[in-house]
Protein backbone atom coordinates (compact mmCIF):
# COMPACT_ATOMS: atom_id res chain seq x y z
CA MET A 1 -18.13 24.31 -1.34
CA VAL A 2 -17.77 20.65 -2.35
CA VAL A 3 -17.74 21.51 -6.06
CA ASP A 4 -14.76 23.81 -5.47
CA GLN A 5 -12.88 21.15 -3.50
CA LEU A 6 -13.64 18.50 -6.12
CA GLY A 7 -12.31 20.81 -8.82
CA ILE A 8 -9.01 21.17 -6.94
CA ARG A 9 -8.75 17.36 -7.00
CA GLY A 10 -9.54 17.10 -10.70
CA ILE A 11 -13.10 15.76 -10.29
CA ASP A 12 -15.83 17.26 -12.47
CA ALA A 13 -19.24 18.12 -11.08
CA GLU A 14 -21.43 17.26 -14.08
CA PRO A 15 -24.50 19.41 -14.89
CA ALA A 16 -27.82 17.62 -15.23
CA SER A 17 -28.62 16.81 -18.84
CA ALA A 18 -31.67 18.25 -20.62
CA GLU A 19 -33.32 14.83 -20.28
CA THR A 20 -32.71 14.74 -16.53
CA LEU A 21 -34.00 18.30 -16.10
CA ALA A 22 -37.13 17.32 -18.02
CA LYS A 23 -37.71 14.34 -15.75
CA LEU A 24 -37.27 16.51 -12.67
CA ALA A 25 -39.74 19.07 -14.06
CA ALA A 26 -42.23 16.30 -14.88
CA ALA A 27 -42.01 15.20 -11.23
CA GLY A 28 -42.79 18.74 -10.10
CA ILE A 29 -39.21 19.41 -9.00
CA SER A 30 -37.85 22.71 -10.22
CA VAL A 31 -34.08 23.17 -10.46
CA SER A 32 -31.93 25.56 -12.46
CA PRO A 33 -29.42 24.18 -15.00
CA GLY A 34 -25.92 23.96 -13.53
CA ARG A 35 -23.47 21.82 -11.65
CA VAL A 36 -25.59 21.90 -8.49
CA ALA A 37 -29.25 20.85 -8.44
CA ASP A 38 -30.47 23.32 -5.82
CA LEU A 39 -33.80 22.11 -4.42
CA THR A 40 -34.11 25.27 -2.27
CA LEU A 41 -36.33 25.02 0.83
CA ALA A 42 -38.52 22.52 -1.01
CA GLY A 43 -35.69 20.02 -0.56
CA ALA A 44 -36.66 19.71 3.09
CA ARG A 45 -39.78 17.81 1.97
CA TYR A 46 -39.40 14.05 1.72
CA ASP A 47 -41.14 13.70 -1.64
CA VAL A 48 -39.00 16.39 -3.29
CA MET A 49 -35.63 15.11 -2.05
CA LYS A 50 -36.52 11.45 -2.64
CA GLY A 51 -37.87 12.18 -6.10
CA ALA A 52 -34.77 14.14 -7.07
CA LEU A 53 -32.45 11.41 -5.79
CA ASP A 54 -34.35 8.68 -7.66
CA ILE A 55 -34.05 10.58 -10.94
CA MET A 56 -30.41 11.57 -10.49
CA LEU A 57 -29.30 8.11 -9.38
CA ALA A 58 -30.84 6.73 -12.57
CA ALA A 59 -29.37 9.44 -14.83
CA PRO A 60 -26.53 8.11 -17.03
CA GLU A 61 -24.44 11.30 -16.84
CA PHE A 62 -23.68 10.82 -13.14
CA ASP A 63 -21.20 8.32 -11.66
CA LEU A 64 -21.91 9.34 -8.07
CA VAL A 65 -24.54 11.50 -6.41
CA LEU A 66 -23.83 13.68 -3.38
CA ALA A 67 -26.81 14.86 -1.31
CA VAL A 68 -26.12 17.98 0.75
CA VAL A 69 -28.51 18.82 3.59
CA GLY A 70 -28.53 22.18 5.31
CA SER A 71 -29.90 23.42 8.62
CA SER A 72 -32.95 21.13 8.50
CA ALA A 73 -30.59 18.27 9.41
CA ARG A 74 -30.09 19.95 12.77
CA SER A 75 -33.69 20.99 13.44
CA GLN A 76 -35.34 17.83 12.06
CA PRO A 77 -32.59 15.23 11.72
CA GLU A 78 -34.77 12.18 11.14
CA LEU A 79 -36.95 13.81 8.49
CA ALA A 80 -34.01 15.50 6.77
CA VAL A 81 -31.95 12.37 6.12
CA LYS A 82 -34.75 9.82 5.63
CA PRO A 83 -34.95 10.28 1.82
CA ILE A 84 -31.16 9.77 1.60
CA ILE A 85 -31.31 6.63 3.72
CA ASP A 86 -34.22 5.30 1.67
CA SER A 87 -32.23 5.89 -1.54
CA ALA A 88 -29.10 4.14 -0.35
CA GLY A 89 -29.95 0.83 -2.00
CA SER A 90 -29.14 2.17 -5.46
CA ALA A 91 -26.45 0.50 -7.52
CA LYS A 92 -24.88 3.93 -8.03
CA PRO A 93 -22.75 5.41 -5.21
CA LEU A 94 -24.58 7.87 -2.96
CA ALA A 95 -22.94 10.04 -0.30
CA ALA A 96 -24.14 12.84 1.96
CA MET A 97 -22.69 15.99 3.43
CA ILE A 98 -24.35 17.79 6.33
CA VAL A 99 -23.78 21.53 6.93
CA PRO A 100 -23.84 22.93 9.52
CA ASP A 101 -22.79 20.09 11.82
CA ALA A 102 -25.75 17.94 12.88
CA PRO A 103 -24.54 15.01 15.03
CA GLN A 104 -27.89 13.20 15.14
CA ALA A 105 -28.28 13.28 11.37
CA ILE A 106 -24.69 12.07 10.91
CA ALA A 107 -25.33 9.24 13.38
CA GLN A 108 -28.45 8.10 11.51
CA LEU A 109 -26.69 8.14 8.15
CA THR A 110 -23.76 6.24 9.62
CA ALA A 111 -26.05 3.61 11.15
CA ALA A 112 -27.62 3.17 7.70
CA ASN A 113 -24.15 2.71 6.11
CA VAL A 114 -24.44 5.90 4.07
CA PRO A 115 -21.03 7.60 3.63
CA CYS A 116 -21.45 11.02 5.22
CA PHE A 117 -19.23 14.02 5.83
CA ARG A 118 -19.04 17.18 7.93
CA THR A 119 -16.52 19.10 5.80
CA PRO A 120 -16.18 19.66 2.05
CA GLU A 121 -12.46 18.85 2.17
CA ALA A 122 -12.96 15.37 3.65
CA CYS A 123 -15.90 14.76 1.34
CA ALA A 124 -13.86 15.69 -1.75
CA ASP A 125 -10.87 13.64 -0.57
CA VAL A 126 -12.96 10.48 -0.35
CA ILE A 127 -14.80 11.04 -3.64
CA ALA A 128 -11.45 11.61 -5.37
CA ALA A 129 -10.14 8.41 -3.78
CA VAL A 130 -13.18 6.48 -5.04
CA PHE A 131 -12.62 7.67 -8.60
CA GLY A 132 -8.87 7.17 -8.29
CA ARG A 133 -9.20 3.59 -7.10
CA ARG A 134 -8.07 1.01 -9.60
CA SER A 135 -9.62 -2.42 -9.62
CA PRO A 136 -7.12 -5.12 -8.63
CA LEU A 137 -6.62 -5.99 -12.30
CA ALA A 138 -3.14 -7.28 -11.66
CA LEU A 139 -4.60 -9.97 -9.42
CA ALA A 140 -6.65 -11.41 -12.26
CA GLU A 141 -3.70 -11.21 -14.65
CA LEU A 142 -1.34 -12.90 -12.23
CA SER A 143 -3.74 -15.55 -10.99
CA GLY A 144 -4.37 -16.97 -14.45
CA GLY A 145 -8.01 -17.30 -13.53
CA GLY A 146 -7.78 -18.75 -10.05
CA ALA A 147 -4.42 -19.23 -8.39
CA THR A 148 -4.68 -19.70 -4.64
CA GLY A 149 -2.29 -19.02 -1.81
CA SER A 150 -1.30 -22.69 -1.77
CA GLU A 151 0.07 -22.30 -5.30
CA ALA A 152 2.50 -19.55 -4.30
CA ARG A 153 6.20 -20.31 -4.69
CA THR A 154 8.94 -18.82 -2.53
CA LEU A 155 12.18 -17.76 -4.18
CA SER A 156 15.52 -18.40 -2.56
CA GLU A 157 17.36 -15.33 -1.35
CA ALA A 158 19.74 -15.51 -4.32
CA GLN A 159 16.79 -15.65 -6.72
CA ALA A 160 15.17 -12.73 -4.90
CA TYR A 161 18.33 -10.67 -5.46
CA GLU A 162 18.19 -11.48 -9.18
CA LEU A 163 14.70 -9.97 -9.21
CA LEU A 164 15.93 -6.88 -7.33
CA ASP A 165 18.66 -6.50 -9.95
CA ARG A 166 16.04 -6.45 -12.72
CA LEU A 167 14.07 -3.79 -10.83
CA GLY A 168 17.10 -1.67 -10.02
CA VAL A 169 16.85 -2.11 -6.24
CA PRO A 170 20.33 -2.12 -4.61
CA HIS A 171 21.37 -5.10 -2.49
CA ALA A 172 24.51 -6.22 -0.70
CA PRO A 173 27.01 -8.14 -2.85
CA CYS A 174 26.84 -11.89 -2.38
CA VAL A 175 28.11 -15.25 -3.60
CA THR A 176 26.66 -18.72 -3.23
CA THR A 177 28.58 -21.84 -2.38
CA ALA A 178 27.76 -25.49 -1.82
CA ILE A 179 26.72 -25.98 1.78
CA ASP A 180 28.44 -29.37 1.97
CA GLY A 181 31.55 -28.36 0.03
CA GLU A 182 34.80 -26.53 0.65
CA ALA A 183 34.73 -22.85 1.47
CA PRO A 184 35.78 -20.61 -1.44
CA GLN A 185 39.49 -19.74 -1.49
CA ALA A 186 38.71 -16.10 -2.15
CA LEU A 187 35.68 -13.81 -2.02
CA PRO A 188 34.93 -10.71 -4.14
CA PHE A 189 34.57 -8.70 -0.93
CA ASP A 190 36.33 -8.46 2.41
CA TYR A 191 35.72 -10.30 5.66
CA PRO A 192 33.90 -10.26 8.07
CA VAL A 193 30.94 -11.91 6.36
CA VAL A 194 27.59 -13.42 7.18
CA VAL A 195 26.80 -16.95 6.01
CA LYS A 196 23.18 -17.95 5.45
CA VAL A 197 21.37 -21.02 4.23
CA CYS A 198 19.97 -20.28 0.76
CA SER A 199 16.86 -22.33 0.03
CA ALA A 200 13.43 -21.56 -1.36
CA GLU A 201 12.05 -24.02 1.21
CA ILE A 202 13.47 -22.09 4.18
CA PRO A 203 12.14 -18.51 3.97
CA HIS A 204 12.81 -17.78 7.66
CA LYS A 205 16.42 -18.78 8.13
CA THR A 206 16.95 -17.79 11.76
CA GLU A 207 14.24 -20.23 12.91
CA VAL A 208 16.36 -23.20 11.80
CA GLY A 209 19.74 -21.81 12.86
CA GLY A 210 20.46 -20.91 9.27
CA VAL A 211 22.51 -17.73 9.86
CA VAL A 212 26.09 -17.36 11.10
CA LEU A 213 27.33 -13.80 11.72
CA ASN A 214 30.75 -12.14 11.94
CA VAL A 215 32.75 -14.81 10.12
CA SER A 216 36.27 -13.34 10.01
CA ASP A 217 38.27 -15.61 7.66
CA ARG A 218 38.17 -18.67 5.38
CA ALA A 219 38.57 -21.08 8.28
CA GLY A 220 35.59 -19.45 9.98
CA LEU A 221 33.64 -19.71 6.74
CA GLN A 222 34.36 -23.45 6.57
CA ALA A 223 33.25 -23.83 10.20
CA ALA A 224 30.08 -21.85 9.44
CA LEU A 225 29.18 -24.26 6.63
CA VAL A 226 29.62 -27.19 9.03
CA SER A 227 27.45 -25.41 11.60
CA LEU A 228 24.71 -24.78 9.03
CA ARG A 229 24.71 -28.45 8.01
CA SER A 230 24.42 -29.53 11.62
CA ASN A 231 21.60 -27.10 12.41
CA LEU A 232 19.64 -28.09 9.33
CA ALA A 233 19.98 -31.78 10.13
CA GLN A 234 18.52 -31.14 13.60
CA ARG A 235 15.88 -28.47 12.89
CA ALA A 236 14.93 -28.98 9.24
CA PRO A 237 15.52 -32.63 8.38
CA GLY A 238 14.44 -33.62 4.91
CA ILE A 239 14.25 -30.05 3.60
CA ALA A 240 16.23 -29.37 0.45
CA ALA A 241 19.04 -26.93 1.24
CA ASP A 242 22.23 -27.41 -0.72
CA GLN A 243 23.46 -23.82 -1.00
CA ALA A 244 24.79 -21.17 1.35
CA LEU A 245 24.86 -17.45 0.61
CA VAL A 246 27.80 -15.33 1.74
CA GLN A 247 27.58 -11.55 2.16
CA PRO A 248 29.83 -8.90 3.72
CA MET A 249 28.69 -7.75 7.14
CA SER A 250 27.08 -4.35 6.69
CA LYS A 251 26.10 -1.61 9.07
CA GLY A 252 24.09 1.45 8.14
CA VAL A 253 22.76 4.42 10.05
CA ALA A 254 19.22 2.95 10.08
CA GLU A 255 17.20 -0.06 8.92
CA VAL A 256 13.77 -0.20 7.31
CA LEU A 257 11.38 -2.76 5.90
CA ILE A 258 9.99 -2.30 2.38
CA GLY A 259 7.10 -4.53 1.40
CA TYR A 260 5.07 -5.05 -1.77
CA LYS A 261 1.85 -7.04 -1.91
CA LEU A 262 -1.09 -7.76 -4.17
CA ASP A 263 -3.96 -7.02 -1.80
CA PRO A 264 -7.24 -8.77 -2.70
CA GLU A 265 -9.23 -5.57 -2.07
CA ALA A 266 -6.91 -2.71 -2.99
CA GLY A 267 -4.66 -4.32 -5.59
CA PRO A 268 -0.89 -3.63 -5.55
CA ILE A 269 0.35 -1.80 -2.45
CA ILE A 270 3.78 -0.71 -1.24
CA MET A 271 4.72 -0.29 2.43
CA LEU A 272 7.61 1.33 4.24
CA ALA A 273 8.09 0.54 7.93
CA ALA A 274 10.62 1.09 10.66
CA GLY A 275 13.05 -1.82 10.71
CA GLY A 276 13.82 -4.38 13.37
CA ILE A 277 11.33 -5.02 16.18
CA TRP A 278 9.72 -1.63 15.58
CA ALA A 279 8.06 -2.91 12.41
CA GLU A 280 5.79 -5.06 14.58
CA VAL A 281 5.83 -3.30 17.94
CA ALA A 282 5.37 0.36 17.01
CA ARG A 283 3.38 -0.04 13.77
CA ASP A 284 5.46 2.85 12.47
CA ARG A 285 4.74 2.61 8.76
CA SER A 286 3.38 4.23 5.60
CA ILE A 287 1.33 2.56 2.85
CA ARG A 288 0.42 3.60 -0.70
CA LEU A 289 -1.16 2.07 -3.76
CA ALA A 290 1.62 0.92 -6.09
CA PRO A 291 3.39 2.03 -8.14
CA VAL A 292 4.70 5.22 -6.53
CA SER A 293 6.96 7.92 -7.90
CA VAL A 294 10.16 8.97 -6.12
CA VAL A 295 8.29 12.06 -4.86
CA MET A 296 5.50 9.92 -3.40
CA ALA A 297 8.11 7.61 -1.87
CA GLN A 298 9.66 10.65 -0.17
CA GLU A 299 6.24 11.44 1.31
CA MET A 300 6.15 7.89 2.71
CA ILE A 301 9.58 8.41 4.27
CA ASP A 302 8.36 11.62 5.91
CA GLU A 303 5.50 9.66 7.53
CA VAL A 304 7.74 7.07 9.26
CA ARG A 305 8.62 8.59 12.61
CA ALA A 306 11.73 6.48 13.19
CA LEU A 307 13.39 8.01 10.12
CA LYS A 308 13.33 11.48 11.67
CA THR A 309 16.52 10.41 13.48
CA VAL A 310 18.44 10.19 10.17
CA SER A 311 16.92 13.26 8.51
CA GLY A 312 19.44 15.68 10.00
CA LEU A 313 17.49 16.24 13.20
CA ARG A 314 19.53 18.15 15.79
CA GLY A 315 22.78 17.55 13.99
CA LYS A 316 22.52 13.75 13.90
CA GLN A 317 24.06 11.91 10.96
CA ARG A 318 21.91 12.00 7.86
CA GLY A 319 20.95 8.82 6.05
CA ASP A 320 20.69 8.59 2.27
CA LEU A 321 16.92 9.09 2.17
CA GLN A 322 16.96 10.04 -1.51
CA ALA A 323 18.43 6.64 -2.34
CA LEU A 324 15.76 5.05 -0.13
CA ALA A 325 13.02 6.89 -2.04
CA ARG A 326 14.43 5.59 -5.33
CA ALA A 327 14.50 2.03 -3.98
CA ILE A 328 10.89 2.23 -2.75
CA SER A 329 9.76 3.53 -6.13
CA ALA A 330 11.75 0.84 -7.96
CA LEU A 331 10.24 -2.02 -5.93
CA SER A 332 6.75 -0.59 -6.40
CA GLN A 333 7.12 -0.92 -10.18
CA LEU A 334 6.29 -4.60 -9.73
CA ALA A 335 2.69 -3.36 -10.04
CA LEU A 336 3.38 -2.64 -13.72
CA GLN A 337 5.39 -5.80 -14.42
CA PRO A 338 3.02 -8.79 -14.21
CA GLN A 339 5.55 -10.95 -16.07
CA HIS A 340 7.40 -11.45 -12.77
CA GLU A 341 4.23 -12.98 -11.24
CA VAL A 342 5.11 -11.56 -7.79
CA GLN A 343 2.41 -11.81 -5.13
CA GLU A 344 4.54 -10.52 -2.24
CA ALA A 345 8.03 -9.11 -1.85
CA GLU A 346 9.71 -7.99 1.35
CA ILE A 347 13.10 -6.44 1.95
CA ASN A 348 13.91 -6.69 5.63
CA PRO A 349 16.17 -5.09 6.44
CA MET A 350 17.06 -2.45 3.91
CA MET A 351 20.18 -0.76 5.23
CA ILE A 352 20.26 3.02 4.94
CA MET A 353 23.84 4.18 4.63
CA ALA A 354 25.19 7.65 5.37
CA GLU A 355 24.07 10.43 3.05
CA GLY A 356 25.53 9.94 -0.43
CA ARG A 357 26.37 6.26 0.13
CA GLY A 358 23.06 4.74 -0.92
CA VAL A 359 20.98 1.91 0.50
CA MET A 360 21.17 -1.85 0.17
CA ALA A 361 18.96 -4.81 0.87
CA VAL A 362 20.60 -7.43 3.07
CA ASP A 363 17.72 -9.89 3.07
CA ALA A 364 14.78 -10.38 0.72
CA LEU A 365 11.76 -12.66 0.62
CA VAL A 366 9.69 -13.02 -2.57
CA LEU A 367 6.55 -15.07 -3.22
CA THR A 368 5.51 -15.68 -6.81
CA ARG A 369 2.63 -17.56 -8.43
């Protein structure tokens, strides 16, 4: 049953080589050539199962060995799984599947840290995931042999948008202006606008009073610059902040968070989460290894419950979820572009506009080496 499920997932069950069969025969263990080494009822004996596992775990043709135990796991759980537990110290991966269900045997394998399964589907899923896992190679490439978190550099929001441009991720139009200068006479977009401090040293702008919303005209823009200077002097004295970023106020039908990260265990990952407070409160999110295709990004969207409200549910207005899928896929391509040296990137929020009108990032935070 497992061989069939592995085949569906593109994993080959390798037959024992002639050399391995000879070693098994020399140990008094008789098996027929094929993709399954059937030990028959003799496999219930400790010496037969343990001997077979020792030989197969040492055989070069196998990358992983799966031990399947039948009804003896239910009638004699301790004896049935002992040879598997005793073989678990091998350098080669060893897993077990128990059929029919035998809770005591499963419990003993679990206590011994042996991966064990009740169904062939779950077993094949995990084995496929093991073989599909990529080592975090990008981490080594980006670290230059040992960069630490303290060596990370934060980009300003304007610099982060330049990176999004190179990736093809849409963002709201923006201009920068001197924070201690005169407000621009004209803007390439209409009022009302939002005015934000733009500094690599201030990644969380709201904490220092670095955001002014709903600015309706040039006089308001000038007053916003004065307000930003005052807030920075009080809450962030001594921090370099000589630019402000101006964007049109935007409102979509929904907001999401898209995050990219080089995880020390898994390598590059991409995350989609419900926006606003729900990102932290509800843990409504989907995660994949990066990069992802547009189709895989659509699967992520389907897993975020909050986005059901903009998927046409009960006649509600649809959001442009196809554009969102393209943006998720585009950001995830950072996994294939080590030249950018990105350790983390977060778009929060990404505005989802009405269907056909796209998406756009209205804030972005990027950490590079």
